[in-house]
mmCIF file of all heavy atoms, coordinates in Angstrom:
data_MODEL
# 
_entry.id   MODEL 
# 
loop_
_atom_site.group_PDB 
_atom_site.id 
_atom_site.type_symbol 
_atom_site.label_atom_id 
_atom_site.label_alt_id 
_atom_site.label_comp_id 
_atom_site.label_asym_id 
_atom_site.label_entity_id 
_atom_site.label_seq_id 
_atom_site.pdbx_PDB_ins_code 
_atom_site.Cartn_x 
_atom_site.Cartn_y 
_atom_site.Cartn_z 
_atom_site.occupancy 
_atom_site.B_iso_or_equiv 
_atom_site.pdbx_formal_charge 
_atom_site.auth_seq_id 
_atom_site.auth_comp_id 
_atom_site.auth_asym_id 
_atom_site.auth_atom_id 
_atom_site.pdbx_PDB_model_num 
ATOM 1   N N   . GLY A 1 1  ? 20.844 -10.396 0.219  1.00 0.00 ? 1  GLY A N   1 
ATOM 2   C CA  . GLY A 1 1  ? 19.570 -10.444 0.815  1.00 0.00 ? 1  GLY A CA  1 
ATOM 3   C C   . GLY A 1 1  ? 19.598 -9.963  2.263  1.00 0.00 ? 1  GLY A C   1 
ATOM 4   O O   . GLY A 1 1  ? 20.607 -9.683  2.830  1.00 0.00 ? 1  GLY A O   1 
ATOM 5   N N   . LEU A 1 2  ? 18.388 -9.760  2.763  1.00 0.00 ? 2  LEU A N   1 
ATOM 6   C CA  . LEU A 1 2  ? 18.289 -9.343  4.153  1.00 0.00 ? 2  LEU A CA  1 
ATOM 7   C C   . LEU A 1 2  ? 17.312 -10.235 4.873  1.00 0.00 ? 2  LEU A C   1 
ATOM 8   O O   . LEU A 1 2  ? 16.324 -10.742 4.435  1.00 0.00 ? 2  LEU A O   1 
ATOM 9   C CB  . LEU A 1 2  ? 17.671 -7.843  4.210  1.00 0.00 ? 2  LEU A CB  1 
ATOM 10  C CG  . LEU A 1 2  ? 18.406 -6.683  3.459  1.00 0.00 ? 2  LEU A CG  1 
ATOM 11  C CD1 . LEU A 1 2  ? 17.624 -5.389  3.658  1.00 0.00 ? 2  LEU A CD1 1 
ATOM 12  C CD2 . LEU A 1 2  ? 19.822 -6.682  3.836  1.00 0.00 ? 2  LEU A CD2 1 
ATOM 13  N N   . MET A 1 3  ? 17.534 -10.406 6.228  1.00 0.00 ? 3  MET A N   1 
ATOM 14  C CA  . MET A 1 3  ? 16.684 -11.163 7.015  1.00 0.00 ? 3  MET A CA  1 
ATOM 15  C C   . MET A 1 3  ? 16.082 -10.255 8.079  1.00 0.00 ? 3  MET A C   1 
ATOM 16  O O   . MET A 1 3  ? 16.761 -9.521  8.889  1.00 0.00 ? 3  MET A O   1 
ATOM 17  C CB  . MET A 1 3  ? 17.376 -12.350 7.740  1.00 0.00 ? 3  MET A CB  1 
ATOM 18  C CG  . MET A 1 3  ? 17.966 -13.378 6.888  1.00 0.00 ? 3  MET A CG  1 
ATOM 19  S SD  . MET A 1 3  ? 18.770 -14.792 7.786  1.00 0.00 ? 3  MET A SD  1 
ATOM 20  C CE  . MET A 1 3  ? 19.770 -15.662 6.607  1.00 0.00 ? 3  MET A CE  1 
ATOM 21  N N   . ALA A 1 4  ? 14.722 -10.226 8.162  1.00 0.00 ? 4  ALA A N   1 
ATOM 22  C CA  . ALA A 1 4  ? 14.085 -9.503  9.186  1.00 0.00 ? 4  ALA A CA  1 
ATOM 23  C C   . ALA A 1 4  ? 14.501 -10.025 10.594 1.00 0.00 ? 4  ALA A C   1 
ATOM 24  O O   . ALA A 1 4  ? 14.520 -11.232 10.766 1.00 0.00 ? 4  ALA A O   1 
ATOM 25  C CB  . ALA A 1 4  ? 12.590 -9.521  9.022  1.00 0.00 ? 4  ALA A CB  1 
ATOM 26  N N   . GLY A 1 5  ? 14.578 -9.071  11.542 1.00 0.00 ? 5  GLY A N   1 
ATOM 27  C CA  . GLY A 1 5  ? 14.992 -9.415  12.870 1.00 0.00 ? 5  GLY A CA  1 
ATOM 28  C C   . GLY A 1 5  ? 13.914 -9.233  14.039 1.00 0.00 ? 5  GLY A C   1 
ATOM 29  O O   . GLY A 1 5  ? 12.762 -9.086  13.568 1.00 0.00 ? 5  GLY A O   1 
ATOM 30  N N   . GLU A 1 6  ? 14.340 -9.156  15.219 1.00 0.00 ? 6  GLU A N   1 
ATOM 31  C CA  . GLU A 1 6  ? 13.424 -9.007  16.217 1.00 0.00 ? 6  GLU A CA  1 
ATOM 32  C C   . GLU A 1 6  ? 12.609 -7.617  16.300 1.00 0.00 ? 6  GLU A C   1 
ATOM 33  O O   . GLU A 1 6  ? 11.664 -7.495  16.835 1.00 0.00 ? 6  GLU A O   1 
ATOM 34  C CB  . GLU A 1 6  ? 14.141 -9.178  17.592 1.00 0.00 ? 6  GLU A CB  1 
ATOM 35  C CG  . GLU A 1 6  ? 14.650 -10.504 17.885 1.00 0.00 ? 6  GLU A CG  1 
ATOM 36  C CD  . GLU A 1 6  ? 13.417 -11.486 17.976 1.00 0.00 ? 6  GLU A CD  1 
ATOM 37  O OE1 . GLU A 1 6  ? 12.333 -11.306 18.693 1.00 0.00 ? 6  GLU A OE1 1 
ATOM 38  O OE2 . GLU A 1 6  ? 13.484 -12.507 17.208 1.00 0.00 ? 6  GLU A OE2 1 
ATOM 39  N N   . SER A 1 7  ? 13.200 -6.658  15.568 1.00 0.00 ? 7  SER A N   1 
ATOM 40  C CA  . SER A 1 7  ? 12.693 -5.309  15.458 1.00 0.00 ? 7  SER A CA  1 
ATOM 41  C C   . SER A 1 7  ? 11.335 -5.308  14.750 1.00 0.00 ? 7  SER A C   1 
ATOM 42  O O   . SER A 1 7  ? 10.640 -4.330  14.648 1.00 0.00 ? 7  SER A O   1 
ATOM 43  C CB  . SER A 1 7  ? 13.560 -4.286  14.960 1.00 0.00 ? 7  SER A CB  1 
ATOM 44  O OG  . SER A 1 7  ? 13.990 -4.620  13.617 1.00 0.00 ? 7  SER A OG  1 
ATOM 45  N N   . VAL A 1 8  ? 10.969 -6.454  14.011 1.00 0.00 ? 8  VAL A N   1 
ATOM 46  C CA  . VAL A 1 8  ? 9.782  -6.546  13.423 1.00 0.00 ? 8  VAL A CA  1 
ATOM 47  C C   . VAL A 1 8  ? 8.731  -7.301  14.165 1.00 0.00 ? 8  VAL A C   1 
ATOM 48  O O   . VAL A 1 8  ? 7.807  -7.907  13.721 1.00 0.00 ? 8  VAL A O   1 
ATOM 49  C CB  . VAL A 1 8  ? 9.759  -7.204  11.936 1.00 0.00 ? 8  VAL A CB  1 
ATOM 50  C CG1 . VAL A 1 8  ? 10.640 -6.361  11.089 1.00 0.00 ? 8  VAL A CG1 1 
ATOM 51  C CG2 . VAL A 1 8  ? 10.174 -8.639  12.006 1.00 0.00 ? 8  VAL A CG2 1 
ATOM 52  N N   . ARG A 1 9  ? 9.060  -7.428  15.555 1.00 0.00 ? 9  ARG A N   1 
ATOM 53  C CA  . ARG A 1 9  ? 8.109  -8.083  16.399 1.00 0.00 ? 9  ARG A CA  1 
ATOM 54  C C   . ARG A 1 9  ? 7.824  -7.180  17.584 1.00 0.00 ? 9  ARG A C   1 
ATOM 55  O O   . ARG A 1 9  ? 8.582  -6.268  17.862 1.00 0.00 ? 9  ARG A O   1 
ATOM 56  C CB  . ARG A 1 9  ? 8.794  -9.461  16.980 1.00 0.00 ? 9  ARG A CB  1 
ATOM 57  C CG  . ARG A 1 9  ? 8.944  -10.517 15.819 1.00 0.00 ? 9  ARG A CG  1 
ATOM 58  C CD  . ARG A 1 9  ? 9.608  -11.856 16.474 1.00 0.00 ? 9  ARG A CD  1 
ATOM 59  N NE  . ARG A 1 9  ? 9.558  -12.761 15.365 1.00 0.00 ? 9  ARG A NE  1 
ATOM 60  C CZ  . ARG A 1 9  ? 8.543  -13.522 14.994 1.00 0.00 ? 9  ARG A CZ  1 
ATOM 61  N NH1 . ARG A 1 9  ? 7.480  -13.412 15.655 1.00 0.00 ? 9  ARG A NH1 1 
ATOM 62  N NH2 . ARG A 1 9  ? 8.580  -14.386 14.029 1.00 0.00 ? 9  ARG A NH2 1 
ATOM 63  N N   . THR A 1 10 ? 6.776  -7.452  18.318 1.00 0.00 ? 10 THR A N   1 
ATOM 64  C CA  . THR A 1 10 ? 6.370  -6.724  19.371 1.00 0.00 ? 10 THR A CA  1 
ATOM 65  C C   . THR A 1 10 ? 7.174  -7.191  20.683 1.00 0.00 ? 10 THR A C   1 
ATOM 66  O O   . THR A 1 10 ? 7.975  -8.109  20.568 1.00 0.00 ? 10 THR A O   1 
ATOM 67  C CB  . THR A 1 10 ? 4.809  -6.993  19.657 1.00 0.00 ? 10 THR A CB  1 
ATOM 68  O OG1 . THR A 1 10 ? 4.649  -8.325  20.218 1.00 0.00 ? 10 THR A OG1 1 
ATOM 69  C CG2 . THR A 1 10 ? 4.024  -6.747  18.616 1.00 0.00 ? 10 THR A CG2 1 
ATOM 70  N N   . ILE A 1 11 ? 6.969  -6.444  21.735 1.00 0.00 ? 11 ILE A N   1 
ATOM 71  C CA  . ILE A 1 11 ? 7.824  -6.813  23.024 1.00 0.00 ? 11 ILE A CA  1 
ATOM 72  C C   . ILE A 1 11 ? 7.449  -8.195  23.483 1.00 0.00 ? 11 ILE A C   1 
ATOM 73  O O   . ILE A 1 11 ? 8.200  -8.763  24.352 1.00 0.00 ? 11 ILE A O   1 
ATOM 74  C CB  . ILE A 1 11 ? 7.687  -5.645  23.984 1.00 0.00 ? 11 ILE A CB  1 
ATOM 75  C CG1 . ILE A 1 11 ? 6.216  -5.527  24.493 1.00 0.00 ? 11 ILE A CG1 1 
ATOM 76  C CG2 . ILE A 1 11 ? 8.200  -4.305  23.531 1.00 0.00 ? 11 ILE A CG2 1 
ATOM 77  C CD1 . ILE A 1 11 ? 5.926  -4.623  25.611 1.00 0.00 ? 11 ILE A CD1 1 
ATOM 78  N N   . THR A 1 12 ? 6.248  -8.629  23.118 1.00 0.00 ? 12 THR A N   1 
ATOM 79  C CA  . THR A 1 12 ? 5.829  -9.923  23.555 1.00 0.00 ? 12 THR A CA  1 
ATOM 80  C C   . THR A 1 12 ? 6.367  -11.069 22.587 1.00 0.00 ? 12 THR A C   1 
ATOM 81  O O   . THR A 1 12 ? 6.062  -12.190 22.819 1.00 0.00 ? 12 THR A O   1 
ATOM 82  C CB  . THR A 1 12 ? 4.387  -10.052 23.693 1.00 0.00 ? 12 THR A CB  1 
ATOM 83  O OG1 . THR A 1 12 ? 3.709  -9.727  22.459 1.00 0.00 ? 12 THR A OG1 1 
ATOM 84  C CG2 . THR A 1 12 ? 3.835  -9.051  24.755 1.00 0.00 ? 12 THR A CG2 1 
ATOM 85  N N   . GLY A 1 13 ? 6.974  -10.600 21.470 1.00 0.00 ? 13 GLY A N   1 
ATOM 86  C CA  . GLY A 1 13 ? 7.524  -11.651 20.547 1.00 0.00 ? 13 GLY A CA  1 
ATOM 87  C C   . GLY A 1 13 ? 6.695  -11.910 19.411 1.00 0.00 ? 13 GLY A C   1 
ATOM 88  O O   . GLY A 1 13 ? 6.978  -12.668 18.473 1.00 0.00 ? 13 GLY A O   1 
ATOM 89  N N   . ARG A 1 14 ? 5.463  -11.405 19.376 1.00 0.00 ? 14 ARG A N   1 
ATOM 90  C CA  . ARG A 1 14 ? 4.570  -11.667 18.262 1.00 0.00 ? 14 ARG A CA  1 
ATOM 91  C C   . ARG A 1 14 ? 5.080  -10.884 17.052 1.00 0.00 ? 14 ARG A C   1 
ATOM 92  O O   . ARG A 1 14 ? 5.628  -9.627  17.089 1.00 0.00 ? 14 ARG A O   1 
ATOM 93  C CB  . ARG A 1 14 ? 3.100  -11.310 18.643 1.00 0.00 ? 14 ARG A CB  1 
ATOM 94  C CG  . ARG A 1 14 ? 2.503  -12.070 19.768 1.00 0.00 ? 14 ARG A CG  1 
ATOM 95  C CD  . ARG A 1 14 ? 1.141  -11.633 20.024 1.00 0.00 ? 14 ARG A CD  1 
ATOM 96  N NE  . ARG A 1 14 ? 0.229  -11.803 18.900 1.00 0.00 ? 14 ARG A NE  1 
ATOM 97  C CZ  . ARG A 1 14 ? -0.232 -13.064 18.614 1.00 0.00 ? 14 ARG A CZ  1 
ATOM 98  N NH1 . ARG A 1 14 ? -0.114 -14.042 19.413 1.00 0.00 ? 14 ARG A NH1 1 
ATOM 99  N NH2 . ARG A 1 14 ? -1.215 -13.002 17.556 1.00 0.00 ? 14 ARG A NH2 1 
ATOM 100 N N   . LEU A 1 15 ? 4.715  -11.359 15.852 1.00 0.00 ? 15 LEU A N   1 
ATOM 101 C CA  . LEU A 1 15 ? 5.054  -10.522 14.679 1.00 0.00 ? 15 LEU A CA  1 
ATOM 102 C C   . LEU A 1 15 ? 4.310  -9.390  14.459 1.00 0.00 ? 15 LEU A C   1 
ATOM 103 O O   . LEU A 1 15 ? 3.096  -9.297  14.704 1.00 0.00 ? 15 LEU A O   1 
ATOM 104 C CB  . LEU A 1 15 ? 4.746  -11.570 13.360 1.00 0.00 ? 15 LEU A CB  1 
ATOM 105 C CG  . LEU A 1 15 ? 5.343  -11.106 12.045 1.00 0.00 ? 15 LEU A CG  1 
ATOM 106 C CD1 . LEU A 1 15 ? 6.916  -11.078 12.027 1.00 0.00 ? 15 LEU A CD1 1 
ATOM 107 C CD2 . LEU A 1 15 ? 4.807  -11.996 10.940 1.00 0.00 ? 15 LEU A CD2 1 
ATOM 108 N N   . ASP A 1 16 ? 4.983  -8.227  14.226 1.00 0.00 ? 16 ASP A N   1 
ATOM 109 C CA  . ASP A 1 16 ? 4.272  -6.998  14.057 1.00 0.00 ? 16 ASP A CA  1 
ATOM 110 C C   . ASP A 1 16 ? 4.206  -6.785  12.561 1.00 0.00 ? 16 ASP A C   1 
ATOM 111 O O   . ASP A 1 16 ? 5.235  -6.584  11.776 1.00 0.00 ? 16 ASP A O   1 
ATOM 112 C CB  . ASP A 1 16 ? 5.257  -5.829  14.578 1.00 0.00 ? 16 ASP A CB  1 
ATOM 113 C CG  . ASP A 1 16 ? 4.506  -4.556  14.637 1.00 0.00 ? 16 ASP A CG  1 
ATOM 114 O OD1 . ASP A 1 16 ? 3.992  -4.200  13.454 1.00 0.00 ? 16 ASP A OD1 1 
ATOM 115 O OD2 . ASP A 1 16 ? 4.704  -3.745  15.486 1.00 0.00 ? 16 ASP A OD2 1 
ATOM 116 N N   . SER A 1 17 ? 2.908  -7.022  12.121 1.00 0.00 ? 17 SER A N   1 
ATOM 117 C CA  . SER A 1 17 ? 2.728  -6.898  10.604 1.00 0.00 ? 17 SER A CA  1 
ATOM 118 C C   . SER A 1 17 ? 3.086  -5.672  10.073 1.00 0.00 ? 17 SER A C   1 
ATOM 119 O O   . SER A 1 17 ? 3.691  -5.620  8.835  1.00 0.00 ? 17 SER A O   1 
ATOM 120 C CB  . SER A 1 17 ? 1.105  -7.277  10.373 1.00 0.00 ? 17 SER A CB  1 
ATOM 121 O OG  . SER A 1 17 ? 0.323  -6.277  10.980 1.00 0.00 ? 17 SER A OG  1 
ATOM 122 N N   . TRP A 1 18 ? 2.936  -4.473  10.660 1.00 0.00 ? 18 TRP A N   1 
ATOM 123 C CA  . TRP A 1 18 ? 3.286  -3.265  10.031 1.00 0.00 ? 18 TRP A CA  1 
ATOM 124 C C   . TRP A 1 18 ? 4.903  -3.117  9.971  1.00 0.00 ? 18 TRP A C   1 
ATOM 125 O O   . TRP A 1 18 ? 5.283  -2.706  8.888  1.00 0.00 ? 18 TRP A O   1 
ATOM 126 C CB  . TRP A 1 18 ? 2.616  -2.027  10.846 1.00 0.00 ? 18 TRP A CB  1 
ATOM 127 C CG  . TRP A 1 18 ? 3.075  -0.600  10.332 1.00 0.00 ? 18 TRP A CG  1 
ATOM 128 C CD1 . TRP A 1 18 ? 3.953  0.212   11.013 1.00 0.00 ? 18 TRP A CD1 1 
ATOM 129 C CD2 . TRP A 1 18 ? 2.788  -0.133  9.034  1.00 0.00 ? 18 TRP A CD2 1 
ATOM 130 N NE1 . TRP A 1 18 ? 4.250  1.373   10.071 1.00 0.00 ? 18 TRP A NE1 1 
ATOM 131 C CE2 . TRP A 1 18 ? 3.415  1.181   9.056  1.00 0.00 ? 18 TRP A CE2 1 
ATOM 132 C CE3 . TRP A 1 18 ? 1.938  -0.526  7.986  1.00 0.00 ? 18 TRP A CE3 1 
ATOM 133 C CZ2 . TRP A 1 18 ? 3.235  2.010   7.904  1.00 0.00 ? 18 TRP A CZ2 1 
ATOM 134 C CZ3 . TRP A 1 18 ? 1.816  0.286   6.878  1.00 0.00 ? 18 TRP A CZ3 1 
ATOM 135 C CH2 . TRP A 1 18 ? 2.543  1.575   6.880  1.00 0.00 ? 18 TRP A CH2 1 
ATOM 136 N N   . GLN A 1 19 ? 5.588  -3.432  10.982 1.00 0.00 ? 19 GLN A N   1 
ATOM 137 C CA  . GLN A 1 19 ? 7.023  -3.414  10.881 1.00 0.00 ? 19 GLN A CA  1 
ATOM 138 C C   . GLN A 1 19 ? 7.454  -4.199  9.778  1.00 0.00 ? 19 GLN A C   1 
ATOM 139 O O   . GLN A 1 19 ? 8.433  -3.990  9.116  1.00 0.00 ? 19 GLN A O   1 
ATOM 140 C CB  . GLN A 1 19 ? 7.566  -3.672  12.280 1.00 0.00 ? 19 GLN A CB  1 
ATOM 141 C CG  . GLN A 1 19 ? 7.287  -2.734  13.298 1.00 0.00 ? 19 GLN A CG  1 
ATOM 142 C CD  . GLN A 1 19 ? 8.101  -1.343  13.065 1.00 0.00 ? 19 GLN A CD  1 
ATOM 143 O OE1 . GLN A 1 19 ? 9.222  -1.342  12.668 1.00 0.00 ? 19 GLN A OE1 1 
ATOM 144 N NE2 . GLN A 1 19 ? 7.389  -0.356  13.272 1.00 0.00 ? 19 GLN A NE2 1 
ATOM 145 N N   . LEU A 1 20 ? 6.910  -5.518  9.847  1.00 0.00 ? 20 LEU A N   1 
ATOM 146 C CA  . LEU A 1 20 ? 7.437  -6.414  8.626  1.00 0.00 ? 20 LEU A CA  1 
ATOM 147 C C   . LEU A 1 20 ? 7.213  -5.860  7.219  1.00 0.00 ? 20 LEU A C   1 
ATOM 148 O O   . LEU A 1 20 ? 8.050  -5.923  6.382  1.00 0.00 ? 20 LEU A O   1 
ATOM 149 C CB  . LEU A 1 20 ? 6.596  -7.753  8.806  1.00 0.00 ? 20 LEU A CB  1 
ATOM 150 C CG  . LEU A 1 20 ? 7.004  -8.752  7.702  1.00 0.00 ? 20 LEU A CG  1 
ATOM 151 C CD1 . LEU A 1 20 ? 8.453  -9.184  7.800  1.00 0.00 ? 20 LEU A CD1 1 
ATOM 152 C CD2 . LEU A 1 20 ? 6.160  -10.053 7.856  1.00 0.00 ? 20 LEU A CD2 1 
ATOM 153 N N   . PHE A 1 21 ? 5.896  -5.306  7.081  1.00 0.00 ? 21 PHE A N   1 
ATOM 154 C CA  . PHE A 1 21 ? 5.618  -4.679  5.813  1.00 0.00 ? 21 PHE A CA  1 
ATOM 155 C C   . PHE A 1 21 ? 6.564  -3.575  5.540  1.00 0.00 ? 21 PHE A C   1 
ATOM 156 O O   . PHE A 1 21 ? 7.087  -3.362  4.397  1.00 0.00 ? 21 PHE A O   1 
ATOM 157 C CB  . PHE A 1 21 ? 4.212  -4.107  5.914  1.00 0.00 ? 21 PHE A CB  1 
ATOM 158 C CG  . PHE A 1 21 ? 3.755  -3.291  4.562  1.00 0.00 ? 21 PHE A CG  1 
ATOM 159 C CD1 . PHE A 1 21 ? 3.394  -3.912  3.485  1.00 0.00 ? 21 PHE A CD1 1 
ATOM 160 C CD2 . PHE A 1 21 ? 3.771  -1.832  4.662  1.00 0.00 ? 21 PHE A CD2 1 
ATOM 161 C CE1 . PHE A 1 21 ? 3.031  -3.153  2.335  1.00 0.00 ? 21 PHE A CE1 1 
ATOM 162 C CE2 . PHE A 1 21 ? 3.426  -1.158  3.616  1.00 0.00 ? 21 PHE A CE2 1 
ATOM 163 C CZ  . PHE A 1 21 ? 3.070  -1.784  2.394  1.00 0.00 ? 21 PHE A CZ  1 
ATOM 164 N N   . GLU A 1 22 ? 6.812  -2.659  6.400  1.00 0.00 ? 22 GLU A N   1 
ATOM 165 C CA  . GLU A 1 22 ? 7.862  -1.513  6.344  1.00 0.00 ? 22 GLU A CA  1 
ATOM 166 C C   . GLU A 1 22 ? 9.282  -2.073  5.920  1.00 0.00 ? 22 GLU A C   1 
ATOM 167 O O   . GLU A 1 22 ? 9.878  -1.553  5.078  1.00 0.00 ? 22 GLU A O   1 
ATOM 168 C CB  . GLU A 1 22 ? 7.903  -0.749  7.607  1.00 0.00 ? 22 GLU A CB  1 
ATOM 169 C CG  . GLU A 1 22 ? 6.574  0.140   7.750  1.00 0.00 ? 22 GLU A CG  1 
ATOM 170 C CD  . GLU A 1 22 ? 6.669  1.393   6.782  1.00 0.00 ? 22 GLU A CD  1 
ATOM 171 O OE1 . GLU A 1 22 ? 7.566  2.306   7.045  1.00 0.00 ? 22 GLU A OE1 1 
ATOM 172 O OE2 . GLU A 1 22 ? 6.116  1.314   5.775  1.00 0.00 ? 22 GLU A OE2 1 
ATOM 173 N N   . PHE A 1 23 ? 9.718  -3.122  6.736  1.00 0.00 ? 23 PHE A N   1 
ATOM 174 C CA  . PHE A 1 23 ? 11.017 -3.760  6.456  1.00 0.00 ? 23 PHE A CA  1 
ATOM 175 C C   . PHE A 1 23 ? 11.095 -4.235  4.988  1.00 0.00 ? 23 PHE A C   1 
ATOM 176 O O   . PHE A 1 23 ? 11.991 -3.959  4.192  1.00 0.00 ? 23 PHE A O   1 
ATOM 177 C CB  . PHE A 1 23 ? 11.303 -4.923  7.314  1.00 0.00 ? 23 PHE A CB  1 
ATOM 178 C CG  . PHE A 1 23 ? 12.411 -5.836  6.941  1.00 0.00 ? 23 PHE A CG  1 
ATOM 179 C CD1 . PHE A 1 23 ? 13.570 -5.529  7.150  1.00 0.00 ? 23 PHE A CD1 1 
ATOM 180 C CD2 . PHE A 1 23 ? 12.052 -6.997  6.389  1.00 0.00 ? 23 PHE A CD2 1 
ATOM 181 C CE1 . PHE A 1 23 ? 14.768 -6.350  6.726  1.00 0.00 ? 23 PHE A CE1 1 
ATOM 182 C CE2 . PHE A 1 23 ? 13.109 -7.833  5.838  1.00 0.00 ? 23 PHE A CE2 1 
ATOM 183 C CZ  . PHE A 1 23 ? 14.387 -7.485  6.109  1.00 0.00 ? 23 PHE A CZ  1 
ATOM 184 N N   . LEU A 1 24 ? 10.044 -4.939  4.417  1.00 0.00 ? 24 LEU A N   1 
ATOM 185 C CA  . LEU A 1 24 ? 10.101 -5.471  3.086  1.00 0.00 ? 24 LEU A CA  1 
ATOM 186 C C   . LEU A 1 24 ? 9.919  -4.552  2.080  1.00 0.00 ? 24 LEU A C   1 
ATOM 187 O O   . LEU A 1 24 ? 10.657 -4.435  1.126  1.00 0.00 ? 24 LEU A O   1 
ATOM 188 C CB  . LEU A 1 24 ? 8.979  -6.530  2.940  1.00 0.00 ? 24 LEU A CB  1 
ATOM 189 C CG  . LEU A 1 24 ? 9.089  -7.807  3.783  1.00 0.00 ? 24 LEU A CG  1 
ATOM 190 C CD1 . LEU A 1 24 ? 7.714  -8.611  3.842  1.00 0.00 ? 24 LEU A CD1 1 
ATOM 191 C CD2 . LEU A 1 24 ? 10.326 -8.696  3.435  1.00 0.00 ? 24 LEU A CD2 1 
ATOM 192 N N   . LYS A 1 25 ? 9.063  -3.448  2.338  1.00 0.00 ? 25 LYS A N   1 
ATOM 193 C CA  . LYS A 1 25 ? 8.991  -2.410  1.292  1.00 0.00 ? 25 LYS A CA  1 
ATOM 194 C C   . LYS A 1 25 ? 10.129 -1.512  1.246  1.00 0.00 ? 25 LYS A C   1 
ATOM 195 O O   . LYS A 1 25 ? 10.573 -1.200  0.168  1.00 0.00 ? 25 LYS A O   1 
ATOM 196 C CB  . LYS A 1 25 ? 7.655  -1.578  1.739  1.00 0.00 ? 25 LYS A CB  1 
ATOM 197 C CG  . LYS A 1 25 ? 7.401  -0.430  0.725  1.00 0.00 ? 25 LYS A CG  1 
ATOM 198 C CD  . LYS A 1 25 ? 6.217  0.469   1.094  1.00 0.00 ? 25 LYS A CD  1 
ATOM 199 C CE  . LYS A 1 25 ? 5.834  1.411   0.118  1.00 0.00 ? 25 LYS A CE  1 
ATOM 200 N NZ  . LYS A 1 25 ? 6.899  2.468   -0.240 1.00 0.00 ? 25 LYS A NZ  1 
ATOM 201 N N   . LYS A 1 26 ? 10.730 -1.002  2.327  1.00 0.00 ? 26 LYS A N   1 
ATOM 202 C CA  . LYS A 1 26 ? 11.870 -0.150  2.294  1.00 0.00 ? 26 LYS A CA  1 
ATOM 203 C C   . LYS A 1 26 ? 13.054 -0.945  1.750  1.00 0.00 ? 26 LYS A C   1 
ATOM 204 O O   . LYS A 1 26 ? 13.851 -0.318  1.051  1.00 0.00 ? 26 LYS A O   1 
ATOM 205 C CB  . LYS A 1 26 ? 12.248 0.288   3.751  1.00 0.00 ? 26 LYS A CB  1 
ATOM 206 C CG  . LYS A 1 26 ? 11.062 1.379   4.270  1.00 0.00 ? 26 LYS A CG  1 
ATOM 207 C CD  . LYS A 1 26 ? 11.511 1.922   5.542  1.00 0.00 ? 26 LYS A CD  1 
ATOM 208 C CE  . LYS A 1 26 ? 10.543 2.984   6.081  1.00 0.00 ? 26 LYS A CE  1 
ATOM 209 N NZ  . LYS A 1 26 ? 10.965 3.601   7.218  1.00 0.00 ? 26 LYS A NZ  1 
# 
């Protein structure tokens, strides 16, 4: 399994929905 990291968040720490979607899909 994989755990999403800080790179799926914006510079302010909020969850970046597009980056999370890309992480899960890829």
